[in-house]
Amino acid sequence: MNTPACDRIIIFDTTLRDGEQSPGATLNVEEKLTIAKQLARLGVDVIEAGFPFASPGDFEAVSKIAQQVGTEEGPTICGLARATKQDIESAAKAVSFAAKPRIHTFLATSDIHLEYKLKKTRQDVLQIAPEMVAYAKTFVNDVEFSPEDAGRSDPEFLYQVLERAIAAGATTINIPDTVGYTTPSEFGGLIKGIKENVPNIDQAIISVHGHNDLGLAVANFLEAVKNGARQLECTINGIGERAGNAALEELVMALHVRRQYFNPFFGRPPESEAPLTQIDTRQLYKTSRLVSNLTGMLVQPNKAIVGANAFAHESGIHQDGVLKHKLTYEIMDAQSIGLTDNQIVLGKHSGRNAFRTRLKELGFELADQELNRAFLRFKELADKKKDVSDWDLEAIVNDEAQQVPELFRLEHVQVSSGDHARPTATVTLRTPDGQELTDAAIGTGPVDAIYKAINRVVDIPNQLIEFSVQSVTAGIDAIGEVTIRLQHDDRIFQVTGQIPISSLRRLMLM
């Protein structure tokens, strides 16, 4: 199929669908919309906004994203649907507001899925797949079909299903390694086999979707690209079911940094400087942090591209080399993903204008009220730190952006602990009507004792299921990112915020 899309890679982002399936990463409608708008600024080609039939909330989110983000100049907005009429109808209605709507329908093709999950035969699949693709085609022109668990499917059977799906109108054929089972050579061979054995494959774009159960998702995708795949289905920070999906930022930067290697697979001369994706790489870091903050899923420091240590150098040999020439130990420029090389030093004597200017340079546009609150937080921190880094500023802004109305205020906390003592906490809370309540409790540790004491004061039964801390700035006066997950009845509530590491350290040592 000789379309411009075949001359580059189409980035299909499924952060809001597969990424949200990560345990604890549930997003509300407004949070999904915020991420979708940033994905559009990032330059993704397709946003898989959700699974409309799954819940009213998902349907609403997909609809709002289709209306507000799916403009003529914006990305294609896609809704996922099982190969059933009800799912397809729901997806069609949700994406109908988009200028470029897509329905993505799927049906398993591996024998293990057919026998144990679907209770269907291969003949059933050969009938259902084209029938549902054709049904989706009555609503939109852009239909994607996925044979679920393609990585463990019989290739000869897979070829038949794909041929019929394309004949029924599928414009994109997605090949999922649903359980992250294949190795790069196997996955590349699977794509090559499809190119060679599906007669009408030139009428559709070949896409790939893969999970990272063996840590091979990105490697598998790059091998698929070499064998003809032209759409990559990925997520920000690689979040998703189980071990996650192929990470968007890793794929994009691999194709960017190693253009000379990949160019010939697109029929280009090796020295071509034309980008292989339309992603604005300078938005990668900002997008990563947004997704991390809203989902509460922290980015590990040694994470490729966007981790805190990705452009940090501890070794004296490395430091010396980088100071003499960056290319000695850095294969990409930090600025290319939206980080800054030389950070403006802000301190307690810095004014509001310098503060606002630096935030703008970091990509943050705040309303006056938000800026005032953030500036006060900055001044408080500047009194405690000699230098306030970009990481500190980002932590302040992200924390301020997630402010919620204060219902209860923690007025006092006192913890007693030791190697031969049972951790005990006393807390005082101020209620919304101004009343002060005090109680104490014993826990398995100081943090557990605090939350048990709070539960004694506040008559809302809940269980602390996670309390984690990750430093996001350097030094003894660093800012730490705290994630707290509580369970109330059958629901899990999660909040992420920032606090000085020194305060947490004192608490942990009590």
Protein backbone atom coordinates (compact mmCIF):
# COMPACT_ATOMS: atom_id res chain seq x y z
CA MET A 1 0.00 0.00 0.00
CA ASN A 2 1.81 3.11 -1.19
CA THR A 3 0.70 5.67 1.37
CA PRO A 4 2.85 8.31 3.11
CA ALA A 5 2.27 6.47 6.40
CA CYS A 6 4.33 3.56 5.09
CA ASP A 7 7.36 5.81 4.72
CA ARG A 8 7.59 6.37 8.47
CA ILE A 9 6.42 4.83 11.73
CA ILE A 10 2.90 5.44 12.99
CA ILE A 11 2.88 5.83 16.78
CA PHE A 12 -0.28 4.32 18.29
CA ASP A 13 -0.46 5.25 21.97
CA THR A 14 -2.48 2.95 24.24
CA THR A 15 -1.56 4.53 27.59
CA LEU A 16 -5.22 5.37 28.22
CA ARG A 17 -6.41 1.85 27.43
CA ASP A 18 -3.80 -0.85 28.04
CA GLY A 19 -1.70 1.41 30.25
CA GLU A 20 -4.66 2.14 32.50
CA GLN A 21 -5.10 -1.60 33.02
CA SER A 22 -2.03 -1.54 35.28
CA PRO A 23 -3.14 -2.39 38.84
CA GLY A 24 -3.78 0.86 40.72
CA ALA A 25 -3.44 3.09 37.66
CA THR A 26 -7.13 3.87 37.19
CA LEU A 27 -7.74 7.39 35.85
CA ASN A 28 -10.88 9.50 36.03
CA VAL A 29 -12.36 11.23 32.99
CA GLU A 30 -10.60 14.56 33.54
CA GLU A 31 -7.23 12.89 34.12
CA LYS A 32 -7.63 10.91 30.89
CA LEU A 33 -8.49 14.09 29.03
CA THR A 34 -5.41 15.86 30.46
CA ILE A 35 -3.14 13.04 29.29
CA ALA A 36 -4.83 12.88 25.88
CA LYS A 37 -4.18 16.58 25.30
CA GLN A 38 -0.52 16.10 26.17
CA LEU A 39 -0.29 13.07 23.86
CA ALA A 40 -1.60 15.28 21.06
CA ARG A 41 1.11 17.86 21.84
CA LEU A 42 3.64 15.01 21.83
CA GLY A 43 2.56 14.22 18.27
CA VAL A 44 1.22 10.68 18.50
CA ASP A 45 -0.68 9.56 15.40
CA VAL A 46 -3.36 7.49 17.14
CA ILE A 47 -4.73 7.64 20.69
CA GLU A 48 -6.48 4.49 21.86
CA ALA A 49 -8.64 6.39 24.32
CA GLY A 50 -10.26 3.42 26.04
CA PHE A 51 -12.63 0.48 25.93
CA PRO A 52 -16.05 2.18 25.62
CA PHE A 53 -18.17 -0.89 26.36
CA ALA A 54 -16.20 -1.66 29.56
CA SER A 55 -17.86 1.02 31.72
CA PRO A 56 -19.88 4.25 31.52
CA GLY A 57 -16.77 6.12 32.70
CA ASP A 58 -14.66 4.71 29.88
CA PHE A 59 -17.37 5.55 27.35
CA GLU A 60 -17.53 9.13 28.64
CA ALA A 61 -13.75 9.49 28.55
CA VAL A 62 -13.47 8.24 24.96
CA SER A 63 -16.33 10.54 23.91
CA LYS A 64 -14.79 13.62 25.53
CA ILE A 65 -11.36 12.88 24.09
CA ALA A 66 -12.94 12.41 20.65
CA GLN A 67 -14.66 15.78 20.95
CA GLN A 68 -11.84 17.84 22.46
CA VAL A 69 -8.67 16.18 21.14
CA GLY A 70 -9.85 14.45 17.97
CA THR A 71 -9.83 17.58 15.82
CA GLU A 72 -9.02 17.70 12.13
CA GLU A 73 -5.41 18.61 12.96
CA GLY A 74 -5.25 16.22 15.91
CA PRO A 75 -4.63 12.48 16.20
CA THR A 76 -6.92 9.65 15.20
CA ILE A 77 -9.09 8.65 18.19
CA CYS A 78 -9.55 4.92 18.59
CA GLY A 79 -11.92 2.86 20.71
CA LEU A 80 -11.31 -0.82 21.53
CA ALA A 81 -14.04 -3.41 20.98
CA ARG A 82 -14.30 -7.16 21.24
CA ALA A 83 -15.57 -8.85 18.09
CA THR A 84 -19.22 -8.46 19.14
CA LYS A 85 -21.89 -6.14 17.83
CA GLN A 86 -22.55 -4.55 21.24
CA ASP A 87 -18.90 -3.65 21.74
CA ILE A 88 -18.51 -2.33 18.21
CA GLU A 89 -21.67 -0.21 18.47
CA SER A 90 -20.47 1.30 21.75
CA ALA A 91 -17.03 2.08 20.33
CA ALA A 92 -18.55 3.58 17.19
CA LYS A 93 -20.78 5.90 19.20
CA ALA A 94 -17.94 7.01 21.48
CA VAL A 95 -15.45 7.84 18.69
CA SER A 96 -18.07 9.33 16.36
CA PHE A 97 -17.25 12.85 17.62
CA ALA A 98 -13.68 12.63 16.31
CA ALA A 99 -12.65 14.02 12.93
CA LYS A 100 -10.64 10.82 12.39
CA PRO A 101 -12.37 7.96 14.25
CA ARG A 102 -11.10 4.37 14.40
CA ILE A 103 -12.59 1.14 15.75
CA HIS A 104 -10.11 -1.48 16.94
CA THR A 105 -11.72 -4.90 17.22
CA PHE A 106 -10.01 -8.09 18.32
CA LEU A 107 -10.52 -11.85 18.49
CA ALA A 108 -8.13 -14.48 19.81
CA THR A 109 -6.50 -16.91 17.37
CA SER A 110 -4.22 -19.07 19.53
CA ASP A 111 -5.41 -22.59 20.28
CA ILE A 112 -4.99 -22.07 24.02
CA HIS A 113 -7.32 -19.04 23.93
CA LEU A 114 -9.81 -20.76 21.66
CA GLU A 115 -10.04 -23.84 23.89
CA TYR A 116 -9.95 -22.32 27.37
CA LYS A 117 -11.25 -18.76 26.98
CA LEU A 118 -13.52 -18.48 23.95
CA LYS A 119 -14.69 -22.11 23.69
CA LYS A 120 -14.66 -21.68 19.90
CA THR A 121 -13.16 -23.51 16.95
CA ARG A 122 -10.86 -22.18 14.27
CA GLN A 123 -13.77 -22.29 11.85
CA ASP A 124 -15.78 -20.06 14.21
CA VAL A 125 -12.98 -17.49 14.18
CA LEU A 126 -12.71 -17.58 10.38
CA GLN A 127 -16.38 -16.65 10.27
CA ILE A 128 -16.62 -14.15 13.14
CA ALA A 129 -13.51 -12.07 12.37
CA PRO A 130 -14.48 -10.86 8.87
CA GLU A 131 -18.13 -10.52 9.89
CA MET A 132 -17.29 -8.15 12.77
CA VAL A 133 -14.71 -6.21 10.76
CA ALA A 134 -17.37 -5.65 8.08
CA TYR A 135 -19.83 -4.56 10.78
CA ALA A 136 -17.34 -2.05 12.18
CA LYS A 137 -16.78 -0.80 8.65
CA THR A 138 -20.43 0.29 8.48
CA PHE A 139 -19.64 2.90 11.15
CA VAL A 140 -16.12 4.10 10.26
CA ASN A 141 -13.72 3.83 7.34
CA ASP A 142 -10.73 3.17 9.60
CA VAL A 143 -10.94 -0.31 11.12
CA GLU A 144 -8.12 -2.13 12.90
CA PHE A 145 -8.22 -5.86 13.56
CA SER A 146 -6.10 -7.76 16.08
CA PRO A 147 -5.77 -11.56 16.30
CA GLU A 148 -5.20 -11.74 20.06
CA ASP A 149 -2.25 -13.87 21.18
CA ALA A 150 -0.88 -13.91 17.63
CA GLY A 151 2.58 -14.66 19.03
CA ARG A 152 1.38 -18.14 20.08
CA SER A 153 -0.95 -18.76 17.12
CA ASP A 154 -0.40 -21.25 14.31
CA PRO A 155 1.04 -19.05 11.51
CA GLU A 156 -0.84 -20.84 8.72
CA PHE A 157 -4.17 -20.29 10.52
CA LEU A 158 -3.18 -16.71 11.30
CA TYR A 159 -2.57 -15.99 7.61
CA GLN A 160 -6.11 -17.14 6.77
CA VAL A 161 -7.71 -14.97 9.45
CA LEU A 162 -5.75 -11.89 8.40
CA GLU A 163 -6.57 -12.36 4.72
CA ARG A 164 -10.29 -12.52 5.49
CA ALA A 165 -10.15 -9.53 7.86
CA ILE A 166 -8.44 -7.39 5.21
CA ALA A 167 -10.92 -8.52 2.57
CA ALA A 168 -13.73 -7.43 4.93
CA GLY A 169 -12.29 -3.92 5.17
CA ALA A 170 -9.58 -3.83 7.86
CA THR A 171 -7.15 -1.00 7.10
CA THR A 172 -4.69 -1.93 9.87
CA ILE A 173 -3.71 -5.44 10.92
CA ASN A 174 -2.24 -5.54 14.40
CA ILE A 175 -0.07 -8.47 15.50
CA PRO A 176 -0.07 -8.73 19.31
CA ASP A 177 2.46 -10.60 21.39
CA THR A 178 -0.21 -10.57 24.10
CA VAL A 179 1.74 -12.41 26.76
CA GLY A 180 5.28 -11.24 25.90
CA TYR A 181 6.33 -14.72 24.84
CA THR A 182 8.32 -14.24 21.66
CA THR A 183 11.98 -13.36 21.14
CA PRO A 184 13.08 -10.68 18.64
CA SER A 185 14.08 -13.12 15.90
CA GLU A 186 10.80 -15.02 16.30
CA PHE A 187 8.69 -11.88 16.26
CA GLY A 188 10.54 -10.46 13.26
CA GLY A 189 10.06 -13.80 11.50
CA LEU A 190 6.33 -13.70 12.26
CA ILE A 191 5.99 -10.29 10.59
CA LYS A 192 8.08 -11.44 7.63
CA GLY A 193 5.89 -14.53 7.24
CA ILE A 194 2.75 -12.38 7.22
CA LYS A 195 4.25 -10.10 4.56
CA GLU A 196 5.08 -13.11 2.39
CA ASN A 197 1.99 -15.30 2.92
CA VAL A 198 -1.05 -13.01 3.23
CA PRO A 199 -1.96 -12.21 -0.41
CA ASN A 200 -3.73 -8.89 0.27
CA ILE A 201 -1.40 -7.61 3.00
CA ASP A 202 -0.42 -4.64 0.80
CA GLN A 203 -3.93 -3.27 1.41
CA ALA A 204 -3.32 -2.77 5.14
CA ILE A 205 -0.74 -1.32 7.53
CA ILE A 206 1.01 -3.91 9.69
CA SER A 207 0.96 -2.93 13.35
CA VAL A 208 2.50 -4.59 16.41
CA HIS A 209 1.48 -4.70 20.07
CA GLY A 210 3.57 -6.42 22.71
CA HIS A 211 4.05 -6.94 26.42
CA ASN A 212 7.29 -6.90 28.36
CA ASP A 213 7.02 -10.12 30.38
CA LEU A 214 10.52 -11.19 29.33
CA GLY A 215 11.88 -7.64 28.96
CA LEU A 216 11.91 -7.97 25.17
CA ALA A 217 9.02 -5.77 24.02
CA VAL A 218 11.07 -2.88 22.58
CA ALA A 219 13.59 -5.26 20.98
CA ASN A 220 10.73 -7.25 19.43
CA PHE A 221 9.18 -4.10 17.98
CA LEU A 222 12.42 -2.88 16.43
CA GLU A 223 12.89 -6.27 14.79
CA ALA A 224 9.30 -6.06 13.53
CA VAL A 225 10.06 -2.65 11.99
CA LYS A 226 12.96 -4.17 10.05
CA ASN A 227 10.54 -6.76 8.66
CA GLY A 228 7.80 -4.39 7.56
CA ALA A 229 5.75 -3.28 10.60
CA ARG A 230 4.83 0.39 10.24
CA GLN A 231 2.64 1.04 13.31
CA LEU A 232 3.87 0.56 16.88
CA GLU A 233 1.38 0.25 19.74
CA CYS A 234 3.04 1.47 22.93
CA THR A 235 2.56 3.32 26.21
CA ILE A 236 4.24 6.17 28.06
CA ASN A 237 6.73 4.77 30.58
CA GLY A 238 5.88 1.28 29.30
CA ILE A 239 2.94 0.91 31.72
CA GLY A 240 0.32 -1.76 31.13
CA GLU A 241 -0.88 -5.23 32.08
CA ARG A 242 1.55 -7.32 34.14
CA ALA A 243 5.11 -6.26 33.17
CA GLY A 244 3.76 -3.52 30.91
CA ASN A 245 3.93 -2.65 27.22
CA ALA A 246 6.67 -1.53 24.88
CA ALA A 247 7.71 1.94 26.06
CA LEU A 248 6.92 4.76 23.63
CA GLU A 249 9.87 6.91 24.66
CA GLU A 250 12.34 4.04 24.18
CA LEU A 251 11.02 3.15 20.73
CA VAL A 252 10.93 6.74 19.52
CA MET A 253 14.44 7.56 20.74
CA ALA A 254 15.86 4.28 19.41
CA LEU A 255 14.53 5.21 15.96
CA HIS A 256 15.76 8.78 16.40
CA VAL A 257 19.28 8.05 17.68
CA ARG A 258 19.86 5.11 15.31
CA ARG A 259 18.33 6.63 12.16
CA GLN A 260 21.34 5.67 10.06
CA TYR A 261 20.80 2.03 10.97
CA PHE A 262 17.02 1.98 10.37
CA ASN A 263 16.84 4.28 7.31
CA PRO A 264 17.58 1.54 4.74
CA PHE A 265 14.59 -0.49 5.98
CA PHE A 266 12.42 2.44 4.83
CA GLY A 267 14.11 2.72 1.45
CA ARG A 268 16.08 5.80 2.55
CA PRO A 269 19.80 6.45 2.27
CA PRO A 270 21.53 5.85 5.62
CA GLU A 271 22.55 9.49 5.96
CA SER A 272 18.96 10.81 5.67
CA GLU A 273 18.06 13.17 8.54
CA ALA A 274 14.30 12.94 7.96
CA PRO A 275 12.61 11.79 11.18
CA LEU A 276 11.15 8.27 11.27
CA THR A 277 8.24 9.38 13.48
CA GLN A 278 6.36 12.63 13.86
CA ILE A 279 6.88 12.71 17.63
CA ASP A 280 8.12 15.96 19.18
CA THR A 281 10.81 14.33 21.31
CA ARG A 282 11.17 17.49 23.43
CA GLN A 283 7.78 16.64 24.94
CA LEU A 284 8.81 13.14 26.05
CA TYR A 285 10.04 13.96 29.53
CA LYS A 286 7.10 16.20 30.35
CA THR A 287 4.65 13.53 29.14
CA SER A 288 6.41 10.87 31.17
CA ARG A 289 6.14 12.91 34.36
CA LEU A 290 2.48 13.75 33.74
CA VAL A 291 1.54 10.09 33.30
CA SER A 292 3.61 9.10 36.33
CA ASN A 293 1.97 11.70 38.54
CA LEU A 294 -1.61 11.02 37.46
CA THR A 295 -1.35 7.23 37.60
CA GLY A 296 0.83 7.14 40.70
CA MET A 297 3.20 4.74 38.95
CA LEU A 298 6.71 5.93 39.72
CA VAL A 299 9.42 5.89 37.07
CA GLN A 300 12.43 3.86 38.24
CA PRO A 301 15.60 6.00 38.41
CA ASN A 302 17.47 3.80 35.92
CA LYS A 303 14.60 3.77 33.41
CA ALA A 304 15.88 4.37 29.87
CA ILE A 305 15.33 7.85 28.41
CA VAL A 306 13.16 9.38 31.18
CA GLY A 307 14.59 7.95 34.43
CA ALA A 308 16.21 10.29 36.95
CA ASN A 309 19.61 8.72 36.28
CA ALA A 310 19.32 8.56 32.48
CA PHE A 311 21.60 11.58 32.07
CA ALA A 312 23.43 11.38 35.43
CA HIS A 313 27.07 10.42 35.85
CA GLU A 314 28.52 9.14 39.16
CA SER A 315 31.83 7.68 38.02
CA GLY A 316 34.73 10.12 38.04
CA ILE A 317 35.96 8.71 34.72
CA HIS A 318 32.53 9.28 33.18
CA GLN A 319 32.28 12.78 34.63
CA ASP A 320 35.68 13.71 33.24
CA GLY A 321 34.78 12.36 29.81
CA VAL A 322 31.41 14.15 29.65
CA LEU A 323 32.96 17.44 30.70
CA LYS A 324 35.47 17.13 27.86
CA HIS A 325 32.90 15.99 25.28
CA LYS A 326 29.34 14.80 25.89
CA LEU A 327 29.51 12.10 23.24
CA THR A 328 32.08 10.20 25.29
CA TYR A 329 29.31 8.81 27.52
CA GLU A 330 26.01 10.21 26.17
CA ILE A 331 24.45 8.97 22.94
CA MET A 332 21.67 11.56 22.98
CA ASP A 333 21.24 15.13 24.11
CA ALA A 334 19.20 15.66 27.28
CA GLN A 335 17.55 18.63 25.57
CA SER A 336 16.17 16.33 22.89
CA ILE A 337 13.70 14.85 25.39
CA GLY A 338 12.84 18.15 27.06
CA LEU A 339 15.43 18.32 29.82
CA THR A 340 17.79 21.28 30.24
CA ASP A 341 21.56 21.10 30.35
CA ASN A 342 22.30 24.24 32.29
CA GLN A 343 19.75 24.80 35.02
CA ILE A 344 18.96 28.36 36.15
CA VAL A 345 19.81 28.49 39.84
CA LEU A 346 16.82 29.69 41.82
CA GLY A 347 17.04 30.42 45.52
CA LYS A 348 15.35 32.31 48.33
CA HIS A 349 16.24 35.68 46.79
CA SER A 350 14.68 34.87 43.40
CA GLY A 351 11.57 36.83 42.42
CA ARG A 352 8.21 35.86 41.00
CA ASN A 353 9.21 36.82 37.45
CA ALA A 354 12.26 34.55 37.43
CA PHE A 355 10.11 31.80 38.90
CA ARG A 356 7.40 32.22 36.25
CA THR A 357 9.99 32.43 33.44
CA ARG A 358 11.70 29.23 34.52
CA LEU A 359 8.37 27.41 34.73
CA LYS A 360 7.55 28.51 31.18
CA GLU A 361 10.90 27.22 29.97
CA LEU A 362 10.07 23.89 31.60
CA GLY A 363 6.73 23.82 29.76
CA PHE A 364 4.41 24.82 32.63
CA GLU A 365 1.79 27.52 32.09
CA LEU A 366 0.03 28.38 35.36
CA ALA A 367 -2.93 30.65 36.02
CA ASP A 368 -2.23 33.53 38.42
CA GLN A 369 -3.82 31.79 41.40
CA GLU A 370 -1.94 28.55 40.75
CA LEU A 371 1.30 30.51 40.27
CA ASN A 372 0.84 32.31 43.58
CA ARG A 373 0.37 29.04 45.46
CA ALA A 374 3.32 27.42 43.71
CA PHE A 375 5.51 30.50 44.39
CA LEU A 376 4.76 30.29 48.12
CA ARG A 377 5.73 26.60 48.08
CA PHE A 378 8.92 27.54 46.22
CA LYS A 379 9.83 30.19 48.82
CA GLU A 380 9.26 27.71 51.67
CA LEU A 381 11.57 25.22 49.97
CA ALA A 382 14.16 27.88 49.09
CA ASP A 383 14.50 28.73 52.78
CA LYS A 384 15.57 25.11 53.39
CA LYS A 385 17.74 24.53 50.29
CA LYS A 386 20.64 26.55 48.93
CA ASP A 387 19.67 25.84 45.32
CA VAL A 388 16.25 24.88 43.98
CA SER A 389 16.61 22.66 40.92
CA ASP A 390 14.33 22.08 37.95
CA TRP A 391 13.35 18.78 39.57
CA ASP A 392 12.22 20.68 42.67
CA LEU A 393 10.18 23.11 40.58
CA GLU A 394 8.53 20.30 38.69
CA ALA A 395 7.67 18.52 41.94
CA ILE A 396 6.09 21.70 43.32
CA VAL A 397 4.02 22.37 40.19
CA ASN A 398 2.83 18.79 39.80
CA ASP A 399 1.87 18.61 43.46
CA GLU A 400 0.05 21.93 43.27
CA ALA A 401 -1.83 20.86 40.13
CA GLN A 402 -3.31 17.94 42.02
CA GLN A 403 -4.55 19.94 45.03
CA VAL A 404 -7.92 18.81 46.37
CA PRO A 405 -10.22 20.52 48.89
CA GLU A 406 -9.00 19.95 52.44
CA LEU A 407 -11.52 17.90 54.42
CA PHE A 408 -9.38 16.90 57.42
CA ARG A 409 -6.18 18.59 58.55
CA LEU A 410 -3.37 16.76 60.35
CA GLU A 411 -2.53 19.08 63.24
CA HIS A 412 -0.12 16.89 65.18
CA VAL A 413 1.64 13.57 64.88
CA GLN A 414 3.93 11.92 67.41
CA VAL A 415 5.59 8.54 66.88
CA SER A 416 7.44 6.34 69.36
CA SER A 417 9.51 3.40 68.11
CA GLY A 418 12.66 1.41 68.81
CA ASP A 419 14.36 -1.96 68.44
CA HIS A 420 12.63 -3.27 71.61
CA ALA A 421 9.49 -1.11 71.49
CA ARG A 422 6.21 -1.47 69.66
CA PRO A 423 5.69 1.42 67.20
CA THR A 424 3.04 3.74 68.63
CA ALA A 425 1.58 6.87 67.04
CA THR A 426 -0.58 9.68 68.42
CA VAL A 427 -2.36 11.92 65.93
CA THR A 428 -4.57 14.99 66.17
CA LEU A 429 -6.89 15.81 63.29
CA ARG A 430 -8.98 18.92 62.72
CA THR A 431 -12.37 18.06 61.18
CA PRO A 432 -14.09 20.15 58.48
CA ASP A 433 -16.19 21.85 61.19
CA GLY A 434 -13.09 22.85 63.20
CA GLN A 435 -13.23 20.19 65.92
CA GLU A 436 -9.93 18.65 67.08
CA LEU A 437 -9.84 14.87 67.61
CA THR A 438 -6.94 12.91 69.09
CA ASP A 439 -6.24 9.18 69.32
CA ALA A 440 -3.36 6.71 69.39
CA ALA A 441 -2.63 3.27 67.93
CA ILE A 442 0.04 0.55 67.74
CA GLY A 443 1.25 -0.67 64.35
CA THR A 444 3.77 -2.97 62.72
CA GLY A 445 5.89 0.12 61.97
CA PRO A 446 5.72 3.90 62.48
CA VAL A 447 3.80 4.57 59.26
CA ASP A 448 1.33 1.75 59.91
CA ALA A 449 0.79 3.07 63.46
CA ILE A 450 0.03 6.56 62.11
CA TYR A 451 -2.60 5.30 59.70
CA LYS A 452 -4.20 3.07 62.31
CA ALA A 453 -4.44 6.06 64.64
CA ILE A 454 -6.05 8.10 61.87
CA ASN A 455 -8.55 5.29 61.31
CA ARG A 456 -9.49 5.46 64.99
CA VAL A 457 -10.18 9.17 64.66
CA VAL A 458 -11.97 9.12 61.28
CA ASP A 459 -14.88 6.70 61.01
CA ILE A 460 -14.13 5.68 57.40
CA PRO A 461 -12.79 2.09 57.49
CA ASN A 462 -9.80 1.69 55.17
CA GLN A 463 -6.60 -0.30 54.87
CA LEU A 464 -3.15 1.04 53.98
CA ILE A 465 -1.89 -1.25 51.21
CA GLU A 466 1.10 0.74 49.94
CA PHE A 467 3.39 3.50 51.21
CA SER A 468 6.37 4.12 48.94
CA VAL A 469 8.92 6.91 48.64
CA GLN A 470 11.20 7.80 45.75
CA SER A 471 13.66 10.67 45.73
CA VAL A 472 13.13 12.91 42.71
CA THR A 473 15.86 15.44 43.50
CA ALA A 474 19.44 15.05 44.66
CA GLY A 475 21.07 15.77 47.98
CA ILE A 476 20.29 15.44 51.66
CA ASP A 477 17.64 18.17 51.33
CA ALA A 478 16.02 16.43 48.37
CA ILE A 479 12.32 16.34 47.52
CA GLY A 480 10.75 12.89 47.69
CA GLU A 481 7.71 11.61 45.82
CA VAL A 482 5.35 9.74 48.13
CA THR A 483 2.72 7.31 46.86
CA ILE A 484 -0.04 6.16 49.20
CA ARG A 485 -2.67 3.56 48.30
CA LEU A 486 -5.66 2.93 50.56
CA GLN A 487 -8.43 0.36 50.18
CA HIS A 488 -11.99 1.24 51.22
CA ASP A 489 -14.54 -1.54 50.69
CA ASP A 490 -13.67 -2.85 47.21
CA ARG A 491 -12.17 0.39 45.90
CA ILE A 492 -8.54 1.49 45.89
CA PHE A 493 -7.67 5.16 46.30
CA GLN A 494 -4.25 6.48 45.41
CA VAL A 495 -2.51 9.81 45.93
CA THR A 496 0.96 11.02 45.01
CA GLY A 497 2.64 14.06 46.52
CA GLN A 498 6.00 15.61 47.35
CA ILE A 499 7.69 16.12 50.72
CA PRO A 500 11.27 16.79 51.88
CA ILE A 501 13.18 13.51 52.18
CA SER A 502 14.67 14.70 55.48
CA SER A 503 11.19 14.74 57.03
CA LEU A 504 10.53 11.19 55.88
CA ARG A 505 13.94 10.06 57.06
CA ARG A 506 13.21 11.34 60.56
CA LEU A 507 9.88 9.53 60.53
CA MET A 508 11.44 6.24 59.40
CA LEU A 509 14.13 6.44 62.11
CA MET A 510 11.64 6.97 64.93
